[in-house]
Amino acid sequence: MAKEITIEELRTMARRAGLPLPDDELLRLLPGVKRAQSQAASLRELFTTAAEPATIFTTFKIDLK
């Protein structure tokens, strides 16, 4: 699993996004960010490159008659 995010890293990301948040706000956000990071890692484990996608997008019009 990826390294857990720190408050310093969260502060840097917030500033880069134009959100100069105070430390108390960052501390409130940090558990949710860590949870989202963990959930994203769990989802990545489910996807494999061995199987083709189940659907295919095409721009051609298909007549189903």
PDB file of N, CA and C in Angstrom:
ATOM      1  N   MET A   1       0.838  -1.183   0.000  1.00  0.00           N
ATOM      2  CA  MET A   1       0.000   0.000   0.000  1.00  0.00           C
ATOM      3  C   MET A   1       0.878   1.239   0.000  1.00  0.00           C
ATOM      4  N   ALA A   2       0.362   2.305  -0.549  1.00  0.00           N
ATOM      5  CA  ALA A   2       1.096   3.552  -0.628  1.00  0.00           C
ATOM      6  C   ALA A   2       1.279   4.160   0.755  1.00  0.00           C
ATOM      7  N   LYS A   3       2.281   5.005   0.854  1.00  0.00           N
ATOM      8  CA  LYS A   3       2.560   5.695   2.107  1.00  0.00           C
ATOM      9  C   LYS A   3       1.377   6.589   2.469  1.00  0.00           C
ATOM     10  N   GLU A   4       1.023   6.598   3.756  1.00  0.00           N
ATOM     11  CA  GLU A   4      -0.089   7.452   4.194  1.00  0.00           C
ATOM     12  C   GLU A   4       0.306   8.915   4.080  1.00  0.00           C
ATOM     13  N   ILE A   5      -0.653   9.722   3.729  1.00  0.00           N
ATOM     14  CA  ILE A   5      -0.430  11.144   3.555  1.00  0.00           C
ATOM     15  C   ILE A   5      -0.261  11.820   4.925  1.00  0.00           C
ATOM     16  N   THR A   6       0.611  12.801   4.975  1.00  0.00           N
ATOM     17  CA  THR A   6       0.827  13.566   6.204  1.00  0.00           C
ATOM     18  C   THR A   6       0.118  14.907   6.091  1.00  0.00           C
ATOM     19  N   ILE A   7       0.000  15.584   7.228  1.00  0.00           N
ATOM     20  CA  ILE A   7      -0.646  16.898   7.209  1.00  0.00           C
ATOM     21  C   ILE A   7       0.171  17.892   6.380  1.00  0.00           C
ATOM     22  N   GLU A   8       1.495  17.741   6.372  1.00  0.00           N
ATOM     23  CA  GLU A   8       2.330  18.638   5.571  1.00  0.00           C
ATOM     24  C   GLU A   8       2.054  18.444   4.077  1.00  0.00           C
ATOM     25  N   GLU A   9       1.918  17.183   3.674  1.00  0.00           N
ATOM     26  CA  GLU A   9       1.609  16.912   2.267  1.00  0.00           C
ATOM     27  C   GLU A   9       0.219  17.414   1.902  1.00  0.00           C
ATOM     28  N   LEU A  10      -0.734  17.236   2.810  1.00  0.00           N
ATOM     29  CA  LEU A  10      -2.089  17.729   2.567  1.00  0.00           C
ATOM     30  C   LEU A  10      -2.097  19.247   2.456  1.00  0.00           C
ATOM     31  N   ARG A  11      -1.328  19.918   3.305  1.00  0.00           N
ATOM     32  CA  ARG A  11      -1.223  21.376   3.252  1.00  0.00           C
ATOM     33  C   ARG A  11      -0.660  21.824   1.906  1.00  0.00           C
ATOM     34  N   THR A  12       0.380  21.138   1.439  1.00  0.00           N
ATOM     35  CA  THR A  12       0.989  21.476   0.147  1.00  0.00           C
ATOM     36  C   THR A  12      -0.005  21.296  -0.992  1.00  0.00           C
ATOM     37  N   MET A  13      -0.736  20.178  -0.975  1.00  0.00           N
ATOM     38  CA  MET A  13      -1.723  19.936  -2.035  1.00  0.00           C
ATOM     39  C   MET A  13      -2.839  20.976  -1.998  1.00  0.00           C
ATOM     40  N   ALA A  14      -3.278  21.333  -0.805  1.00  0.00           N
ATOM     41  CA  ALA A  14      -4.341  22.339  -0.679  1.00  0.00           C
ATOM     42  C   ALA A  14      -3.875  23.678  -1.219  1.00  0.00           C
ATOM     43  N   ARG A  15      -2.650  24.063  -0.876  1.00  0.00           N
ATOM     44  CA  ARG A  15      -2.118  25.347  -1.380  1.00  0.00           C
ATOM     45  C   ARG A  15      -1.999  25.342  -2.895  1.00  0.00           C
ATOM     46  N   ARG A  16      -1.541  24.223  -3.453  1.00  0.00           N
ATOM     47  CA  ARG A  16      -1.421  24.120  -4.917  1.00  0.00           C
ATOM     48  C   ARG A  16      -2.777  24.232  -5.595  1.00  0.00           C
ATOM     49  N   ALA A  17      -3.816  23.808  -4.890  1.00  0.00           N
ATOM     50  CA  ALA A  17      -5.172  23.895  -5.433  1.00  0.00           C
ATOM     51  C   ALA A  17      -5.806  25.255  -5.144  1.00  0.00           C
ATOM     52  N   GLY A  18      -5.038  26.147  -4.515  1.00  0.00           N
ATOM     53  CA  GLY A  18      -5.559  27.483  -4.222  1.00  0.00           C
ATOM     54  C   GLY A  18      -6.392  27.521  -2.957  1.00  0.00           C
ATOM     55  N   LEU A  19      -6.179  26.568  -2.051  1.00  0.00           N
ATOM     56  CA  LEU A  19      -6.940  26.497  -0.810  1.00  0.00           C
ATOM     57  C   LEU A  19      -6.002  26.643   0.394  1.00  0.00           C
ATOM     58  N   PRO A  20      -5.705  27.850   0.803  1.00  0.00           N
ATOM     59  CA  PRO A  20      -4.835  28.035   1.970  1.00  0.00           C
ATOM     60  C   PRO A  20      -5.606  27.768   3.266  1.00  0.00           C
ATOM     61  N   LEU A  21      -5.787  26.491   3.602  1.00  0.00           N
ATOM     62  CA  LEU A  21      -6.591  26.097   4.749  1.00  0.00           C
ATOM     63  C   LEU A  21      -5.789  26.170   6.042  1.00  0.00           C
ATOM     64  N   PRO A  22      -6.424  26.573   7.134  1.00  0.00           N
ATOM     65  CA  PRO A  22      -5.734  26.576   8.429  1.00  0.00           C
ATOM     66  C   PRO A  22      -5.521  25.140   8.922  1.00  0.00           C
ATOM     67  N   ASP A  23      -4.600  24.984   9.868  1.00  0.00           N
ATOM     68  CA  ASP A  23      -4.257  23.652  10.358  1.00  0.00           C
ATOM     69  C   ASP A  23      -5.441  22.907  10.964  1.00  0.00           C
ATOM     70  N   ASP A  24      -6.332  23.614  11.658  1.00  0.00           N
ATOM     71  CA  ASP A  24      -7.473  22.918  12.255  1.00  0.00           C
ATOM     72  C   ASP A  24      -8.382  22.317  11.186  1.00  0.00           C
ATOM     73  N   GLU A  25      -8.520  22.991  10.065  1.00  0.00           N
ATOM     74  CA  GLU A  25      -9.329  22.462   8.953  1.00  0.00           C
ATOM     75  C   GLU A  25      -8.619  21.272   8.305  1.00  0.00           C
ATOM     76  N   LEU A  26      -7.313  21.378   8.143  1.00  0.00           N
ATOM     77  CA  LEU A  26      -6.551  20.262   7.572  1.00  0.00           C
ATOM     78  C   LEU A  26      -6.629  19.028   8.457  1.00  0.00           C
ATOM     79  N   LEU A  27      -6.589  19.234   9.773  1.00  0.00           N
ATOM     80  CA  LEU A  27      -6.690  18.114  10.708  1.00  0.00           C
ATOM     81  C   LEU A  27      -8.052  17.440  10.628  1.00  0.00           C
ATOM     82  N   ARG A  28      -9.090  18.213  10.363  1.00  0.00           N
ATOM     83  CA  ARG A  28     -10.424  17.622  10.200  1.00  0.00           C
ATOM     84  C   ARG A  28     -10.544  16.860   8.888  1.00  0.00           C
ATOM     85  N   LEU A  29      -9.847  17.319   7.856  1.00  0.00           N
ATOM     86  CA  LEU A  29      -9.903  16.671   6.541  1.00  0.00           C
ATOM     87  C   LEU A  29      -9.030  15.427   6.458  1.00  0.00           C
ATOM     88  N   LEU A  30      -7.957  15.390   7.222  1.00  0.00           N
ATOM     89  CA  LEU A  30      -6.952  14.336   7.087  1.00  0.00           C
ATOM     90  C   LEU A  30      -7.515  12.911   7.222  1.00  0.00           C
ATOM     91  N   PRO A  31      -8.362  12.595   8.207  1.00  0.00           N
ATOM     92  CA  PRO A  31      -8.892  11.219   8.280  1.00  0.00           C
ATOM     93  C   PRO A  31      -9.685  10.810   7.033  1.00  0.00           C
ATOM     94  N   GLY A  32     -10.468  11.720   6.490  1.00  0.00           N
ATOM     95  CA  GLY A  32     -11.233  11.417   5.280  1.00  0.00           C
ATOM     96  C   GLY A  32     -10.339  11.219   4.072  1.00  0.00           C
ATOM     97  N   VAL A  33      -9.280  12.016   3.986  1.00  0.00           N
ATOM     98  CA  VAL A  33      -8.335  11.879   2.880  1.00  0.00           C
ATOM     99  C   VAL A  33      -7.612  10.537   2.973  1.00  0.00           C
ATOM    100  N   LYS A  34      -7.225  10.162   4.199  1.00  0.00           N
ATOM    101  CA  LYS A  34      -6.564   8.862   4.381  1.00  0.00           C
ATOM    102  C   LYS A  34      -7.506   7.719   4.031  1.00  0.00           C
ATOM    103  N   ARG A  35      -8.771   7.845   4.417  1.00  0.00           N
ATOM    104  CA  ARG A  35      -9.754   6.806   4.097  1.00  0.00           C
ATOM    105  C   ARG A  35      -9.943   6.700   2.582  1.00  0.00           C
ATOM    106  N   ALA A  36     -10.044   7.845   1.903  1.00  0.00           N
ATOM    107  CA  ALA A  36     -10.209   7.835   0.444  1.00  0.00           C
ATOM    108  C   ALA A  36      -8.984   7.233  -0.232  1.00  0.00           C
ATOM    109  N   GLN A  37      -7.807   7.535   0.285  1.00  0.00           N
ATOM    110  CA  GLN A  37      -6.573   6.979  -0.261  1.00  0.00           C
ATOM    111  C   GLN A  37      -6.561   5.457  -0.108  1.00  0.00           C
ATOM    112  N   SER A  38      -6.997   4.978   1.039  1.00  0.00           N
ATOM    113  CA  SER A  38      -7.059   3.543   1.287  1.00  0.00           C
ATOM    114  C   SER A  38      -8.086   2.861   0.382  1.00  0.00           C
ATOM    115  N   GLN A  39      -9.241   3.494   0.215  1.00  0.00           N
ATOM    116  CA  GLN A  39     -10.276   2.926  -0.645  1.00  0.00           C
ATOM    117  C   GLN A  39      -9.823   2.881  -2.102  1.00  0.00           C
ATOM    118  N   ALA A  40      -9.131   3.920  -2.546  1.00  0.00           N
ATOM    119  CA  ALA A  40      -8.628   3.940  -3.924  1.00  0.00           C
ATOM    120  C   ALA A  40      -7.605   2.822  -4.134  1.00  0.00           C
ATOM    121  N   ALA A  41      -6.755   2.585  -3.133  1.00  0.00           N
ATOM    122  CA  ALA A  41      -5.773   1.504  -3.236  1.00  0.00           C
ATOM    123  C   ALA A  41      -6.472   0.151  -3.301  1.00  0.00           C
ATOM    124  N   SER A  42      -7.533  -0.016  -2.517  1.00  0.00           N
ATOM    125  CA  SER A  42      -8.289  -1.280  -2.544  1.00  0.00           C
ATOM    126  C   SER A  42      -8.928  -1.504  -3.904  1.00  0.00           C
ATOM    127  N   LEU A  43      -9.457  -0.457  -4.500  1.00  0.00           N
ATOM    128  CA  LEU A  43     -10.067  -0.582  -5.827  1.00  0.00           C
ATOM    129  C   LEU A  43      -9.027  -0.926  -6.878  1.00  0.00           C
ATOM    130  N   ARG A  44      -7.837  -0.321  -6.781  1.00  0.00           N
ATOM    131  CA  ARG A  44      -6.785  -0.615  -7.750  1.00  0.00           C
ATOM    132  C   ARG A  44      -6.397  -2.087  -7.727  1.00  0.00           C
ATOM    133  N   GLU A  45      -6.472  -2.702  -6.540  1.00  0.00           N
ATOM    134  CA  GLU A  45      -6.139  -4.122  -6.431  1.00  0.00           C
ATOM    135  C   GLU A  45      -7.152  -5.006  -7.163  1.00  0.00           C
ATOM    136  N   LEU A  46      -8.383  -4.541  -7.292  1.00  0.00           N
ATOM    137  CA  LEU A  46      -9.421  -5.326  -7.959  1.00  0.00           C
ATOM    138  C   LEU A  46      -9.262  -5.367  -9.468  1.00  0.00           C
ATOM    139  N   PHE A  47      -8.687  -4.316 -10.028  1.00  0.00           N
ATOM    140  CA  PHE A  47      -8.547  -4.233 -11.478  1.00  0.00           C
ATOM    141  C   PHE A  47      -7.301  -4.957 -11.934  1.00  0.00           C
ATOM    142  N   THR A  48      -7.476  -5.768 -12.949  1.00  0.00           N
ATOM    143  CA  THR A  48      -6.329  -6.445 -13.544  1.00  0.00           C
ATOM    144  C   THR A  48      -6.267  -6.063 -15.008  1.00  0.00           C
ATOM    145  N   THR A  49      -5.105  -6.178 -15.563  1.00  0.00           N
ATOM    146  CA  THR A  49      -4.955  -5.876 -16.992  1.00  0.00           C
ATOM    147  C   THR A  49      -5.113  -7.128 -17.838  1.00  0.00           C
ATOM    148  N   ALA A  50      -5.392  -8.269 -17.201  1.00  0.00           N
ATOM    149  CA  ALA A  50      -5.502  -9.530 -17.928  1.00  0.00           C
ATOM    150  C   ALA A  50      -6.817  -9.648 -18.705  1.00  0.00           C
ATOM    151  N   ALA A  51      -7.842  -8.927 -18.293  1.00  0.00           N
ATOM    152  CA  ALA A  51      -9.155  -9.055 -18.930  1.00  0.00           C
ATOM    153  C   ALA A  51      -9.486  -7.800 -19.727  1.00  0.00           C
ATOM    154  N   GLU A  52     -10.151  -8.018 -20.846  1.00  0.00           N
ATOM    155  CA  GLU A  52     -10.612  -6.899 -21.662  1.00  0.00           C
ATOM    156  C   GLU A  52     -11.822  -6.246 -21.000  1.00  0.00           C
ATOM    157  N   PRO A  53     -12.068  -4.978 -21.295  1.00  0.00           N
ATOM    158  CA  PRO A  53     -13.263  -4.329 -20.762  1.00  0.00           C
ATOM    159  C   PRO A  53     -14.537  -5.045 -21.238  1.00  0.00           C
ATOM    160  N   ALA A  54     -15.580  -4.979 -20.428  1.00  0.00           N
ATOM    161  CA  ALA A  54     -16.823  -5.666 -20.755  1.00  0.00           C
ATOM    162  C   ALA A  54     -17.604  -4.948 -21.842  1.00  0.00           C
ATOM    163  N   THR A  55     -17.388  -3.668 -22.009  1.00  0.00           N
ATOM    164  CA  THR A  55     -18.116  -2.906 -23.034  1.00  0.00           C
ATOM    165  C   THR A  55     -17.133  -2.226 -23.965  1.00  0.00           C
ATOM    166  N   ILE A  56     -17.620  -1.943 -25.142  1.00  0.00           N
ATOM    167  CA  ILE A  56     -16.803  -1.268 -26.146  1.00  0.00           C
ATOM    168  C   ILE A  56     -17.572  -0.062 -26.648  1.00  0.00           C
ATOM    169  N   PHE A  57     -16.936   1.083 -26.680  1.00  0.00           N
ATOM    170  CA  PHE A  57     -17.553   2.289 -27.209  1.00  0.00           C
ATOM    171  C   PHE A  57     -17.254   2.378 -28.693  1.00  0.00           C
ATOM    172  N   THR A  58     -18.285   2.662 -29.463  1.00  0.00           N
ATOM    173  CA  THR A  58     -18.098   2.861 -30.894  1.00  0.00           C
ATOM    174  C   THR A  58     -18.924   4.057 -31.343  1.00  0.00           C
ATOM    175  N   THR A  59     -18.417   4.782 -32.306  1.00  0.00           N
ATOM    176  CA  THR A  59     -19.138   5.928 -32.840  1.00  0.00           C
ATOM    177  C   THR A  59     -20.024   5.558 -34.008  1.00  0.00           C
ATOM    178  N   PHE A  60     -19.930   4.309 -34.452  1.00  0.00           N
ATOM    179  CA  PHE A  60     -20.761   3.857 -35.567  1.00  0.00           C
ATOM    180  C   PHE A  60     -22.185   3.576 -35.101  1.00  0.00           C
ATOM    181  N   LYS A  61     -23.137   3.913 -35.948  1.00  0.00           N
ATOM    182  CA  LYS A  61     -24.529   3.636 -35.639  1.00  0.00           C
ATOM    183  C   LYS A  61     -24.809   2.181 -35.999  1.00  0.00           C
ATOM    184  N   ILE A  62     -25.401   1.464 -35.057  1.00  0.00           N
ATOM    185  CA  ILE A  62     -25.700   0.044 -35.272  1.00  0.00           C
ATOM    186  C   ILE A  62     -27.205  -0.122 -35.398  1.00  0.00           C
ATOM    187  N   ASP A  63     -27.623  -0.766 -36.486  1.00  0.00           N
ATOM    188  CA  ASP A  63     -29.039  -1.047 -36.700  1.00  0.00           C
ATOM    189  C   ASP A  63     -29.352  -2.413 -36.122  1.00  0.00           C
ATOM    190  N   LEU A  64     -30.182  -2.464 -35.113  1.00  0.00           N
ATOM    191  CA  LEU A  64     -30.470  -3.715 -34.415  1.00  0.00           C
ATOM    192  C   LEU A  64     -31.687  -4.447 -34.965  1.00  0.00           C
ATOM    193  N   LYS A  65     -32.108  -4.182 -36.177  1.00  0.00           N
ATOM    194  CA  LYS A  65     -33.274  -4.850 -36.767  1.00  0.00           C
ATOM    195  C   LYS A  65     -32.965  -6.253 -37.155  1.00  0.00           C
TER     196      LYS A  65
END
